[in-house]
N, C-alpha and C. Protein backbone atom coordinates (compact mmCIF):
# COMPACT_ATOMS: atom_id res chain seq x y z
N UNK A 1 120.79 -0.95 -16.77
CA UNK A 1 121.78 0.11 -16.58
C UNK A 1 121.73 1.12 -17.73
N UNK A 2 121.55 0.61 -18.96
CA UNK A 2 121.48 1.51 -20.12
C UNK A 2 120.31 2.45 -20.01
N UNK A 3 119.18 1.91 -19.47
CA UNK A 3 118.00 2.76 -19.30
C UNK A 3 118.22 3.89 -18.33
N UNK A 4 118.99 3.61 -17.26
CA UNK A 4 119.28 4.63 -16.25
C UNK A 4 120.11 5.76 -16.85
N UNK A 5 121.16 5.36 -17.60
CA UNK A 5 122.01 6.37 -18.21
C UNK A 5 121.24 7.18 -19.25
N UNK A 6 120.35 6.52 -19.98
CA UNK A 6 119.55 7.23 -20.98
C UNK A 6 118.65 8.26 -20.30
N UNK A 7 118.06 7.86 -19.16
CA UNK A 7 117.18 8.78 -18.42
C UNK A 7 117.97 9.98 -17.91
N UNK A 8 119.19 9.73 -17.41
CA UNK A 8 120.02 10.83 -16.93
C UNK A 8 120.40 11.77 -18.07
N UNK A 9 120.67 11.21 -19.22
CA UNK A 9 121.05 12.02 -20.38
C UNK A 9 119.90 12.91 -20.81
N UNK A 10 118.70 12.36 -20.81
CA UNK A 10 117.52 13.14 -21.19
C UNK A 10 117.31 14.30 -20.22
N UNK A 11 117.43 14.02 -18.90
CA UNK A 11 117.24 15.08 -17.91
C UNK A 11 118.31 16.16 -18.06
N UNK A 12 119.56 15.72 -18.34
CA UNK A 12 120.64 16.68 -18.51
C UNK A 12 120.38 17.59 -19.70
N UNK A 13 119.90 17.02 -20.81
CA UNK A 13 119.61 17.82 -22.00
C UNK A 13 118.48 18.81 -21.74
N UNK A 14 117.48 18.37 -20.97
CA UNK A 14 116.39 19.28 -20.63
C UNK A 14 116.88 20.46 -19.80
N UNK A 15 117.82 20.16 -18.87
CA UNK A 15 118.36 21.24 -18.06
C UNK A 15 119.16 22.22 -18.91
N UNK A 16 119.95 21.69 -19.83
CA UNK A 16 120.76 22.55 -20.69
C UNK A 16 119.89 23.43 -21.56
N UNK A 17 118.79 22.88 -22.05
CA UNK A 17 117.88 23.66 -22.88
C UNK A 17 117.26 24.81 -22.11
N UNK A 18 117.06 24.61 -20.81
CA UNK A 18 116.46 25.64 -19.97
C UNK A 18 117.51 26.56 -19.35
N UNK A 19 118.78 26.33 -19.64
CA UNK A 19 119.83 27.16 -19.08
C UNK A 19 120.15 26.84 -17.64
N UNK A 20 119.93 25.58 -17.23
CA UNK A 20 120.17 25.17 -15.86
C UNK A 20 121.48 24.43 -15.75
N UNK A 21 122.12 24.53 -14.58
CA UNK A 21 123.34 23.78 -14.39
C UNK A 21 123.03 22.40 -13.84
N UNK A 22 124.06 21.62 -13.50
CA UNK A 22 123.85 20.23 -13.10
C UNK A 22 123.14 20.07 -11.78
N UNK A 23 123.11 21.12 -10.94
CA UNK A 23 122.41 21.03 -9.65
C UNK A 23 120.95 21.40 -9.77
N UNK A 24 120.54 21.80 -10.97
CA UNK A 24 119.13 22.16 -11.15
C UNK A 24 118.86 23.62 -10.91
N UNK A 25 119.88 24.48 -10.88
CA UNK A 25 119.71 25.91 -10.69
C UNK A 25 119.93 26.63 -12.01
N UNK A 26 119.33 27.79 -12.12
CA UNK A 26 119.58 28.60 -13.30
C UNK A 26 121.01 29.13 -13.25
N UNK A 27 121.73 28.99 -14.36
CA UNK A 27 123.09 29.48 -14.41
C UNK A 27 123.14 30.96 -14.76
N UNK A 28 122.06 31.50 -15.28
CA UNK A 28 122.02 32.92 -15.61
C UNK A 28 121.76 33.73 -14.36
N UNK A 29 122.01 35.03 -14.46
CA UNK A 29 121.81 35.90 -13.32
C UNK A 29 120.70 36.89 -13.63
N UNK A 30 120.03 37.35 -12.57
CA UNK A 30 118.98 38.34 -12.72
C UNK A 30 119.34 39.53 -11.85
N UNK A 31 119.07 40.75 -12.31
CA UNK A 31 119.45 41.93 -11.54
C UNK A 31 118.57 42.11 -10.32
N UNK A 32 119.18 42.63 -9.27
CA UNK A 32 118.45 42.94 -8.06
C UNK A 32 118.32 44.46 -7.97
N UNK A 33 117.14 44.92 -7.60
CA UNK A 33 116.89 46.35 -7.55
C UNK A 33 117.49 47.01 -6.33
N UNK A 34 118.81 47.10 -6.27
CA UNK A 34 119.47 47.76 -5.16
C UNK A 34 119.89 49.16 -5.57
N UNK A 35 120.08 50.00 -4.61
CA UNK A 35 120.44 51.37 -4.88
C UNK A 35 121.95 51.51 -5.05
N UNK A 36 122.40 51.63 -6.27
CA UNK A 36 123.80 51.88 -6.53
C UNK A 36 124.71 50.69 -6.33
N UNK A 37 124.15 49.55 -5.98
CA UNK A 37 125.01 48.40 -5.71
C UNK A 37 125.40 47.68 -6.99
N UNK A 38 124.49 47.69 -7.97
CA UNK A 38 124.79 47.02 -9.24
C UNK A 38 125.01 45.55 -9.06
N UNK A 39 124.20 44.90 -8.22
CA UNK A 39 124.42 43.50 -7.90
C UNK A 39 123.47 42.60 -8.66
N UNK A 40 123.85 41.33 -8.71
CA UNK A 40 123.03 40.29 -9.32
C UNK A 40 122.94 39.12 -8.36
N UNK A 41 121.93 38.33 -8.57
CA UNK A 41 121.79 37.12 -7.76
C UNK A 41 121.24 36.03 -8.66
N UNK A 42 121.80 34.84 -8.59
CA UNK A 42 121.30 33.77 -9.44
C UNK A 42 120.08 33.12 -8.81
N UNK A 43 119.33 32.41 -9.61
CA UNK A 43 118.08 31.83 -9.15
C UNK A 43 118.35 30.53 -8.40
N UNK A 44 118.89 30.65 -7.22
CA UNK A 44 119.30 29.47 -6.45
C UNK A 44 118.10 28.65 -6.02
N UNK A 45 116.94 29.28 -5.90
CA UNK A 45 115.76 28.53 -5.45
C UNK A 45 114.93 28.02 -6.62
N UNK A 46 115.32 28.34 -7.85
CA UNK A 46 114.57 27.89 -9.01
C UNK A 46 115.12 26.56 -9.47
N UNK A 47 114.65 25.49 -8.89
CA UNK A 47 115.14 24.16 -9.21
C UNK A 47 114.22 23.48 -10.22
N UNK A 48 114.60 22.29 -10.60
CA UNK A 48 113.76 21.50 -11.48
C UNK A 48 113.28 20.28 -10.74
N UNK A 49 112.11 19.77 -11.14
CA UNK A 49 111.58 18.58 -10.52
C UNK A 49 112.13 17.35 -11.24
N UNK A 50 111.62 16.18 -10.89
CA UNK A 50 112.15 14.94 -11.45
C UNK A 50 111.94 14.83 -12.95
N UNK A 51 110.94 15.51 -13.46
CA UNK A 51 110.66 15.45 -14.90
C UNK A 51 111.55 16.39 -15.70
N UNK A 52 112.34 17.22 -14.99
CA UNK A 52 113.21 18.16 -15.68
C UNK A 52 112.55 19.51 -15.91
N UNK A 53 111.29 19.68 -15.46
CA UNK A 53 110.60 20.94 -15.63
C UNK A 53 111.00 21.91 -14.53
N UNK A 54 111.18 23.18 -14.89
CA UNK A 54 111.59 24.19 -13.92
C UNK A 54 110.44 24.50 -12.96
N UNK A 55 110.78 24.63 -11.69
CA UNK A 55 109.79 24.99 -10.68
C UNK A 55 109.76 26.51 -10.57
N UNK A 56 108.57 27.08 -10.71
CA UNK A 56 108.42 28.54 -10.69
C UNK A 56 108.49 29.04 -9.25
N UNK A 57 109.43 29.93 -8.97
CA UNK A 57 109.57 30.52 -7.65
C UNK A 57 109.60 32.04 -7.75
N UNK A 58 108.72 32.60 -8.57
CA UNK A 58 108.72 34.04 -8.80
C UNK A 58 108.44 34.82 -7.53
N UNK A 59 107.64 34.25 -6.62
CA UNK A 59 107.33 34.96 -5.37
C UNK A 59 108.60 35.16 -4.55
N UNK A 60 109.43 34.12 -4.48
CA UNK A 60 110.68 34.25 -3.73
C UNK A 60 111.63 35.23 -4.40
N UNK A 61 111.70 35.16 -5.72
CA UNK A 61 112.59 36.06 -6.44
C UNK A 61 112.11 37.50 -6.34
N UNK A 62 110.81 37.71 -6.33
CA UNK A 62 110.26 39.06 -6.20
C UNK A 62 110.64 39.65 -4.84
N UNK A 63 110.63 38.82 -3.80
CA UNK A 63 111.03 39.28 -2.48
C UNK A 63 112.51 39.67 -2.47
N UNK A 64 113.35 38.87 -3.12
CA UNK A 64 114.78 39.15 -3.16
C UNK A 64 115.08 40.44 -3.92
N UNK A 65 114.28 40.73 -4.95
CA UNK A 65 114.51 41.94 -5.73
C UNK A 65 114.26 43.20 -4.91
N UNK A 66 113.44 43.08 -3.87
CA UNK A 66 113.12 44.24 -3.04
C UNK A 66 114.22 44.55 -2.02
N UNK A 67 115.10 43.59 -1.79
CA UNK A 67 116.14 43.79 -0.79
C UNK A 67 117.18 44.79 -1.27
N UNK A 68 117.66 45.60 -0.34
CA UNK A 68 118.74 46.52 -0.62
C UNK A 68 120.01 45.92 -0.03
N UNK A 69 120.79 45.29 -0.87
CA UNK A 69 121.98 44.58 -0.44
C UNK A 69 123.23 45.41 -0.68
N UNK A 70 124.14 45.36 0.27
CA UNK A 70 125.40 46.08 0.13
C UNK A 70 126.26 45.40 -0.94
N UNK A 71 127.05 46.14 -1.67
CA UNK A 71 127.93 45.55 -2.69
C UNK A 71 128.91 44.56 -2.05
N UNK A 72 129.17 43.47 -2.74
CA UNK A 72 130.17 42.53 -2.23
C UNK A 72 131.21 42.23 -3.30
N UNK A 73 131.52 43.25 -4.10
CA UNK A 73 132.52 43.09 -5.15
C UNK A 73 133.88 42.70 -4.57
N UNK A 74 134.23 43.32 -3.42
CA UNK A 74 135.53 43.03 -2.82
C UNK A 74 135.61 41.59 -2.33
N UNK A 75 134.47 41.03 -1.90
CA UNK A 75 134.47 39.64 -1.46
C UNK A 75 134.59 38.69 -2.64
N UNK A 76 133.92 39.04 -3.75
CA UNK A 76 134.03 38.20 -4.94
C UNK A 76 135.44 38.21 -5.50
N UNK A 77 136.15 39.34 -5.31
CA UNK A 77 137.51 39.45 -5.82
C UNK A 77 138.53 38.75 -4.92
N UNK A 78 138.10 38.36 -3.72
CA UNK A 78 139.00 37.70 -2.79
C UNK A 78 139.30 36.27 -3.24
N UNK A 79 140.54 35.99 -3.53
CA UNK A 79 140.92 34.66 -4.03
C UNK A 79 141.85 33.93 -3.07
N UNK A 80 142.59 34.67 -2.25
CA UNK A 80 143.54 34.05 -1.35
C UNK A 80 142.97 33.87 0.05
N UNK A 81 143.48 32.91 0.77
CA UNK A 81 143.12 32.70 2.16
C UNK A 81 143.99 33.59 3.04
N UNK A 82 143.37 34.20 4.04
CA UNK A 82 144.08 35.12 4.92
C UNK A 82 144.13 34.56 6.34
N UNK A 83 145.09 35.02 7.11
CA UNK A 83 145.25 34.53 8.48
C UNK A 83 144.37 35.33 9.43
N UNK A 84 143.71 34.61 10.33
CA UNK A 84 142.90 35.25 11.37
C UNK A 84 143.83 35.86 12.41
N UNK A 85 143.54 37.08 12.81
CA UNK A 85 144.39 37.76 13.80
C UNK A 85 144.22 37.15 15.19
N UNK A 86 143.14 36.39 15.38
CA UNK A 86 142.92 35.79 16.69
C UNK A 86 143.66 34.48 16.88
N UNK A 87 143.48 33.55 15.94
CA UNK A 87 144.07 32.20 16.09
C UNK A 87 145.16 31.91 15.05
N UNK A 88 145.34 32.83 14.09
CA UNK A 88 146.36 32.72 13.05
C UNK A 88 146.07 31.59 12.05
N UNK A 89 144.88 31.02 12.07
CA UNK A 89 144.51 30.02 11.07
C UNK A 89 144.02 30.74 9.82
N UNK A 90 144.22 30.11 8.67
CA UNK A 90 143.86 30.75 7.41
C UNK A 90 142.42 30.46 7.03
N UNK A 91 141.73 31.48 6.53
CA UNK A 91 140.36 31.37 6.05
C UNK A 91 140.20 32.32 4.88
N UNK A 92 139.13 32.15 4.14
CA UNK A 92 138.94 32.99 2.97
C UNK A 92 138.17 34.27 3.31
N UNK A 93 137.10 34.13 4.08
CA UNK A 93 136.28 35.29 4.40
C UNK A 93 136.22 35.57 5.90
N UNK A 94 135.97 34.53 6.69
CA UNK A 94 135.89 34.71 8.14
C UNK A 94 136.42 33.48 8.85
N UNK A 95 136.77 33.68 10.10
CA UNK A 95 137.26 32.58 10.93
C UNK A 95 136.09 32.06 11.75
N UNK A 96 135.68 30.83 11.51
CA UNK A 96 134.53 30.28 12.21
C UNK A 96 134.86 29.92 13.66
N UNK A 97 136.15 29.83 13.98
CA UNK A 97 136.54 29.54 15.36
C UNK A 97 136.45 30.80 16.22
N UNK A 98 137.03 31.89 15.72
CA UNK A 98 137.01 33.15 16.47
C UNK A 98 135.77 33.99 16.16
N UNK A 99 135.03 33.59 15.12
CA UNK A 99 133.84 34.32 14.69
C UNK A 99 134.18 35.77 14.35
N UNK A 100 135.26 35.92 13.58
CA UNK A 100 135.73 37.24 13.16
C UNK A 100 136.02 37.22 11.67
N UNK A 101 135.77 38.35 10.96
CA UNK A 101 136.13 38.40 9.54
C UNK A 101 137.64 38.48 9.39
N UNK A 102 138.14 37.89 8.33
CA UNK A 102 139.58 37.97 8.06
C UNK A 102 139.87 38.95 6.93
N UNK A 103 138.85 39.34 6.19
CA UNK A 103 139.03 40.33 5.12
C UNK A 103 138.97 41.72 5.71
N UNK A 104 139.67 42.65 5.08
CA UNK A 104 139.76 44.01 5.61
C UNK A 104 138.50 44.82 5.33
N UNK A 105 137.84 44.53 4.23
CA UNK A 105 136.65 45.31 3.87
C UNK A 105 135.66 44.45 3.12
N UNK A 106 134.44 44.97 2.98
CA UNK A 106 133.41 44.26 2.24
C UNK A 106 132.42 43.52 3.10
N UNK A 107 132.69 43.43 4.41
CA UNK A 107 131.76 42.73 5.31
C UNK A 107 130.77 43.75 5.87
N UNK A 108 129.48 43.60 5.59
CA UNK A 108 128.50 44.57 6.08
C UNK A 108 128.29 44.47 7.58
N UNK A 109 127.83 45.53 8.18
CA UNK A 109 127.48 45.56 9.60
C UNK A 109 125.99 45.87 9.69
N UNK A 110 125.21 44.88 10.08
CA UNK A 110 123.76 44.98 10.05
C UNK A 110 123.20 45.13 11.47
N UNK A 111 122.59 46.26 11.80
CA UNK A 111 121.93 46.39 13.10
C UNK A 111 120.60 45.65 13.10
N UNK A 112 120.35 44.83 14.09
CA UNK A 112 119.11 44.07 14.19
C UNK A 112 118.12 44.77 15.12
N UNK A 113 116.83 44.58 14.89
CA UNK A 113 115.82 45.21 15.75
C UNK A 113 115.74 44.58 17.14
N UNK A 114 116.30 43.38 17.31
CA UNK A 114 116.31 42.70 18.61
C UNK A 114 117.68 42.07 18.82
N UNK A 115 117.98 41.78 20.08
CA UNK A 115 119.19 41.03 20.40
C UNK A 115 118.93 39.55 20.14
N UNK A 116 119.94 38.85 19.64
CA UNK A 116 119.80 37.43 19.35
C UNK A 116 120.87 36.67 20.14
N UNK A 117 120.43 35.67 20.90
CA UNK A 117 121.35 34.83 21.65
C UNK A 117 121.20 33.41 21.14
N UNK A 118 122.29 32.82 20.68
CA UNK A 118 122.27 31.47 20.14
C UNK A 118 122.99 30.54 21.11
N UNK A 119 122.28 29.50 21.54
CA UNK A 119 122.88 28.46 22.36
C UNK A 119 123.16 27.28 21.43
N UNK A 120 124.42 27.05 21.16
CA UNK A 120 124.82 26.05 20.16
C UNK A 120 125.51 24.87 20.82
N UNK A 121 125.13 23.68 20.38
CA UNK A 121 125.78 22.48 20.92
C UNK A 121 127.21 22.39 20.40
N UNK A 122 128.18 22.08 21.26
CA UNK A 122 129.59 22.02 20.84
C UNK A 122 129.85 21.04 19.71
N UNK A 123 128.99 20.03 19.55
CA UNK A 123 129.20 19.05 18.49
C UNK A 123 128.76 19.55 17.13
N UNK A 124 128.04 20.67 17.10
CA UNK A 124 127.67 21.26 15.81
C UNK A 124 128.92 21.80 15.13
N UNK A 125 129.13 21.44 13.87
CA UNK A 125 130.32 21.87 13.16
C UNK A 125 130.27 23.38 12.89
N UNK A 126 131.23 24.09 13.45
CA UNK A 126 131.26 25.53 13.25
C UNK A 126 131.50 25.89 11.79
N UNK A 127 132.26 25.05 11.10
CA UNK A 127 132.56 25.34 9.70
C UNK A 127 131.33 25.22 8.81
N UNK A 128 130.30 24.51 9.27
CA UNK A 128 129.07 24.33 8.50
C UNK A 128 127.92 25.15 9.06
N UNK A 129 128.13 25.80 10.18
CA UNK A 129 127.04 26.49 10.86
C UNK A 129 126.64 27.77 10.12
N UNK A 130 125.34 28.00 10.02
CA UNK A 130 124.83 29.24 9.43
C UNK A 130 124.69 30.33 10.49
N UNK A 131 124.99 29.99 11.74
CA UNK A 131 124.92 30.96 12.83
C UNK A 131 126.13 31.87 12.81
N UNK A 132 127.30 31.33 12.45
CA UNK A 132 128.53 32.12 12.46
C UNK A 132 128.43 33.36 11.57
N UNK A 133 127.93 33.25 10.32
CA UNK A 133 127.78 34.45 9.50
C UNK A 133 126.89 35.51 10.14
N UNK A 134 125.88 35.08 10.90
CA UNK A 134 125.02 36.05 11.58
C UNK A 134 125.82 36.87 12.59
N UNK A 135 126.72 36.19 13.30
CA UNK A 135 127.59 36.88 14.25
C UNK A 135 128.56 37.81 13.53
N UNK A 136 128.99 37.40 12.33
CA UNK A 136 129.95 38.20 11.57
C UNK A 136 129.34 39.52 11.11
N UNK A 137 128.12 39.46 10.57
CA UNK A 137 127.51 40.67 10.00
C UNK A 137 126.72 41.48 11.03
N UNK A 138 126.42 40.89 12.18
CA UNK A 138 125.71 41.63 13.24
C UNK A 138 126.41 41.40 14.58
N UNK A 139 127.68 41.80 14.68
CA UNK A 139 128.46 41.49 15.88
C UNK A 139 127.94 42.15 17.15
N UNK A 140 127.26 43.28 17.02
CA UNK A 140 126.77 44.00 18.20
C UNK A 140 125.45 43.44 18.73
N UNK A 141 124.77 42.64 17.93
CA UNK A 141 123.44 42.18 18.33
C UNK A 141 123.31 40.66 18.45
N UNK A 142 124.34 39.93 18.08
CA UNK A 142 124.28 38.47 18.11
C UNK A 142 125.32 37.93 19.08
N UNK A 143 124.87 37.06 19.99
CA UNK A 143 125.77 36.34 20.89
C UNK A 143 125.66 34.85 20.58
N UNK A 144 126.79 34.16 20.59
CA UNK A 144 126.81 32.72 20.35
C UNK A 144 127.52 32.04 21.51
N UNK A 145 126.84 31.07 22.13
CA UNK A 145 127.41 30.33 23.25
C UNK A 145 127.47 28.85 22.87
N UNK A 146 128.67 28.33 22.71
CA UNK A 146 128.87 26.91 22.41
C UNK A 146 128.99 26.17 23.73
N UNK A 147 127.89 25.63 24.19
CA UNK A 147 127.89 25.00 25.50
C UNK A 147 126.76 23.97 25.61
N UNK A 148 126.89 23.09 26.59
CA UNK A 148 125.85 22.11 26.88
C UNK A 148 125.15 22.46 28.20
N UNK A 149 125.94 22.62 29.24
CA UNK A 149 125.38 22.87 30.57
C UNK A 149 125.60 24.29 31.07
N UNK A 150 126.63 24.96 30.57
CA UNK A 150 126.95 26.30 31.06
C UNK A 150 126.16 27.35 30.28
N UNK A 151 124.83 27.27 30.40
CA UNK A 151 123.96 28.22 29.70
C UNK A 151 123.87 29.51 30.51
N UNK A 152 124.12 30.65 29.90
CA UNK A 152 124.10 31.91 30.65
C UNK A 152 122.68 32.32 31.06
N UNK A 153 122.61 33.28 31.93
CA UNK A 153 121.31 33.83 32.32
C UNK A 153 120.75 34.61 31.14
N UNK A 154 119.60 34.19 30.65
CA UNK A 154 119.07 34.77 29.41
C UNK A 154 118.09 35.91 29.65
N UNK A 155 117.48 35.93 30.81
CA UNK A 155 116.56 37.04 31.14
C UNK A 155 116.87 37.53 32.55
N UNK A 156 117.21 38.78 32.63
CA UNK A 156 117.54 39.37 33.91
C UNK A 156 116.32 39.57 34.79
N UNK A 157 116.56 39.82 36.06
CA UNK A 157 115.46 40.01 37.01
C UNK A 157 114.62 41.24 36.69
N UNK A 158 115.25 42.22 36.08
CA UNK A 158 114.54 43.47 35.77
C UNK A 158 113.91 43.45 34.39
N UNK A 159 114.12 42.39 33.63
CA UNK A 159 113.56 42.31 32.29
C UNK A 159 112.17 41.68 32.33
N UNK A 160 111.17 42.29 31.70
CA UNK A 160 109.81 41.74 31.69
C UNK A 160 109.77 40.36 31.04
N UNK A 161 108.80 39.55 31.45
CA UNK A 161 108.68 38.18 30.94
C UNK A 161 108.51 38.15 29.43
N UNK A 162 107.73 39.07 28.87
CA UNK A 162 107.46 39.08 27.44
C UNK A 162 108.59 39.65 26.60
N UNK A 163 109.64 40.18 27.23
CA UNK A 163 110.71 40.83 26.48
C UNK A 163 111.74 39.86 25.94
N UNK A 164 111.80 38.64 26.51
CA UNK A 164 112.76 37.63 26.06
C UNK A 164 112.01 36.37 25.69
N UNK A 165 112.18 35.91 24.46
CA UNK A 165 111.47 34.71 23.99
C UNK A 165 112.47 33.72 23.41
N UNK A 166 112.11 32.45 23.47
CA UNK A 166 112.90 31.41 22.81
C UNK A 166 112.09 30.89 21.64
N UNK A 167 112.71 30.85 20.48
CA UNK A 167 112.03 30.39 19.27
C UNK A 167 112.17 28.87 19.18
N UNK A 168 111.06 28.19 19.45
CA UNK A 168 111.09 26.73 19.45
C UNK A 168 109.67 26.21 19.22
N UNK A 169 109.49 25.24 18.30
CA UNK A 169 108.14 24.77 17.94
C UNK A 169 107.56 23.77 18.95
N UNK A 170 107.53 24.15 20.20
CA UNK A 170 106.93 23.27 21.21
C UNK A 170 105.42 23.32 21.10
N UNK A 171 104.76 22.33 21.69
CA UNK A 171 103.30 22.23 21.58
C UNK A 171 102.61 23.43 22.21
N UNK A 172 103.14 23.93 23.31
CA UNK A 172 102.51 25.05 23.98
C UNK A 172 103.05 26.41 23.59
N UNK A 173 103.90 26.46 22.56
CA UNK A 173 104.49 27.73 22.14
C UNK A 173 103.45 28.61 21.46
N UNK A 174 103.62 29.92 21.60
CA UNK A 174 102.70 30.88 21.00
C UNK A 174 103.09 31.15 19.55
N UNK A 175 102.14 31.00 18.66
CA UNK A 175 102.38 31.28 17.24
C UNK A 175 102.50 32.80 17.06
N UNK A 176 103.59 33.26 16.47
CA UNK A 176 103.78 34.70 16.33
C UNK A 176 102.73 35.33 15.42
N UNK A 177 102.09 34.52 14.57
CA UNK A 177 101.05 35.06 13.70
C UNK A 177 99.80 35.43 14.47
N UNK A 178 99.69 34.94 15.69
CA UNK A 178 98.53 35.26 16.53
C UNK A 178 98.84 36.37 17.52
N UNK A 179 100.06 36.84 17.55
CA UNK A 179 100.46 37.87 18.50
C UNK A 179 100.12 39.26 17.98
N UNK A 180 99.78 40.15 18.88
CA UNK A 180 99.45 41.52 18.51
C UNK A 180 100.73 42.32 18.24
N UNK A 181 100.56 43.46 17.63
CA UNK A 181 101.71 44.33 17.36
C UNK A 181 102.38 44.75 18.65
N UNK A 182 101.59 44.99 19.67
CA UNK A 182 102.14 45.39 20.96
C UNK A 182 102.98 44.27 21.57
N UNK A 183 102.52 43.03 21.43
CA UNK A 183 103.26 41.89 21.96
C UNK A 183 104.58 41.69 21.20
N UNK A 184 104.54 41.89 19.89
CA UNK A 184 105.74 41.73 19.10
C UNK A 184 106.76 42.83 19.40
N UNK A 185 106.27 44.05 19.59
CA UNK A 185 107.17 45.16 19.91
C UNK A 185 107.80 45.02 21.29
N UNK A 186 107.17 44.25 22.14
CA UNK A 186 107.70 44.05 23.49
C UNK A 186 108.92 43.14 23.50
N UNK A 187 109.11 42.37 22.43
CA UNK A 187 110.24 41.44 22.36
C UNK A 187 111.53 42.21 22.11
N UNK A 188 112.48 42.05 23.00
CA UNK A 188 113.77 42.71 22.90
C UNK A 188 114.92 41.72 22.66
N UNK A 189 114.67 40.45 22.96
CA UNK A 189 115.71 39.45 22.80
C UNK A 189 115.09 38.13 22.36
N UNK A 190 115.73 37.48 21.38
CA UNK A 190 115.26 36.19 20.88
C UNK A 190 116.37 35.16 21.09
N UNK A 191 116.02 34.04 21.70
CA UNK A 191 116.96 32.97 21.97
C UNK A 191 116.74 31.85 20.96
N UNK A 192 117.81 31.38 20.34
CA UNK A 192 117.75 30.30 19.37
C UNK A 192 118.59 29.12 19.86
N UNK A 193 118.16 27.92 19.54
CA UNK A 193 118.89 26.70 19.90
C UNK A 193 119.44 26.09 18.62
N UNK A 194 120.75 25.93 18.57
CA UNK A 194 121.42 25.37 17.40
C UNK A 194 121.95 23.99 17.75
N UNK A 195 121.15 22.98 17.45
CA UNK A 195 121.54 21.60 17.78
C UNK A 195 120.65 20.64 17.00
N UNK A 196 120.89 19.36 17.15
CA UNK A 196 120.01 18.36 16.56
C UNK A 196 118.73 18.30 17.38
N UNK A 197 117.70 17.67 16.80
CA UNK A 197 116.41 17.58 17.51
C UNK A 197 116.55 16.82 18.82
N UNK A 198 117.33 15.76 18.82
CA UNK A 198 117.48 14.98 20.05
C UNK A 198 118.22 15.77 21.12
N UNK A 199 119.12 16.64 20.71
CA UNK A 199 119.88 17.44 21.68
C UNK A 199 119.07 18.59 22.25
N UNK A 200 118.03 19.00 21.55
CA UNK A 200 117.23 20.13 22.04
C UNK A 200 116.51 19.78 23.35
N UNK A 201 116.23 18.51 23.59
CA UNK A 201 115.54 18.11 24.81
C UNK A 201 116.29 18.57 26.05
N UNK A 202 117.61 18.43 26.01
CA UNK A 202 118.42 18.85 27.15
C UNK A 202 118.29 20.35 27.38
N UNK A 203 118.35 21.12 26.30
CA UNK A 203 118.28 22.58 26.44
C UNK A 203 116.91 23.04 26.93
N UNK A 204 115.86 22.43 26.39
CA UNK A 204 114.51 22.85 26.76
C UNK A 204 114.23 22.56 28.24
N UNK A 205 114.85 21.53 28.78
CA UNK A 205 114.63 21.18 30.19
C UNK A 205 115.43 22.06 31.14
N UNK A 206 116.42 22.78 30.62
CA UNK A 206 117.24 23.62 31.49
C UNK A 206 116.41 24.78 32.04
N UNK A 207 116.72 25.18 33.24
CA UNK A 207 115.95 26.25 33.91
C UNK A 207 116.06 27.56 33.15
N UNK A 208 117.23 27.86 32.59
CA UNK A 208 117.43 29.13 31.90
C UNK A 208 116.51 29.27 30.69
N UNK A 209 116.25 28.18 29.99
CA UNK A 209 115.40 28.24 28.80
C UNK A 209 113.95 27.90 29.13
N UNK A 210 113.74 26.98 30.04
CA UNK A 210 112.38 26.57 30.40
C UNK A 210 111.57 27.72 30.98
N UNK A 211 112.26 28.67 31.61
CA UNK A 211 111.57 29.79 32.24
C UNK A 211 111.21 30.89 31.26
N UNK A 212 111.63 30.76 30.00
CA UNK A 212 111.35 31.80 29.00
C UNK A 212 110.03 31.54 28.28
N UNK A 213 109.50 32.59 27.72
CA UNK A 213 108.30 32.48 26.90
C UNK A 213 108.66 31.86 25.56
N UNK A 214 107.93 30.83 25.14
CA UNK A 214 108.22 30.15 23.88
C UNK A 214 107.29 30.64 22.78
N UNK A 215 107.90 30.89 21.63
CA UNK A 215 107.12 31.29 20.46
C UNK A 215 107.56 30.43 19.29
N UNK A 216 106.69 30.33 18.30
CA UNK A 216 106.99 29.55 17.11
C UNK A 216 106.50 30.28 15.88
N UNK A 217 107.08 29.91 14.74
CA UNK A 217 106.70 30.54 13.47
C UNK A 217 105.64 29.70 12.78
């Protein structure tokens, strides 16, 4: 037992020397090259390995520096929980039940190049879902359906076959890296499945999704 605690102490000291917090992330902030936003982002992806050495993720950080992010000073200043106008439950930033922001300002509105339809299993916890924020910041382009069997019609009769795709790593799915620019530009709607792997079998077998073109990353 003494050896275990000694090992933990050594790793903790190594993290402190490198300016890392207890989760293995850098506690310092680095500036992001945004226009007039004056924002910073911490090195959340710069973790340490078992030996306590920092893992270099400069490629990821370089990509983040290129992003033009809207200021979120008003969100950082938000300390109180507010009531949702839809269900009257209190939340800090958004209501995951109504999929609506509860703050008056600071929430960006992001137009997407394609429509996104998410078919989410009802057992997926909305409070933990990363799909809800997508609906919050892109309300005009993202649809979320919490259902098992009542899957909506995803491709209309007048919509071309290549215009609606479902993103799923099936064996026969088309790798988007092999698709031409013309094929990619033809995509107008992307369908995502938000569920466990075992639950995806039910969705993939449904006629609404089975009839769509499958692509994978």
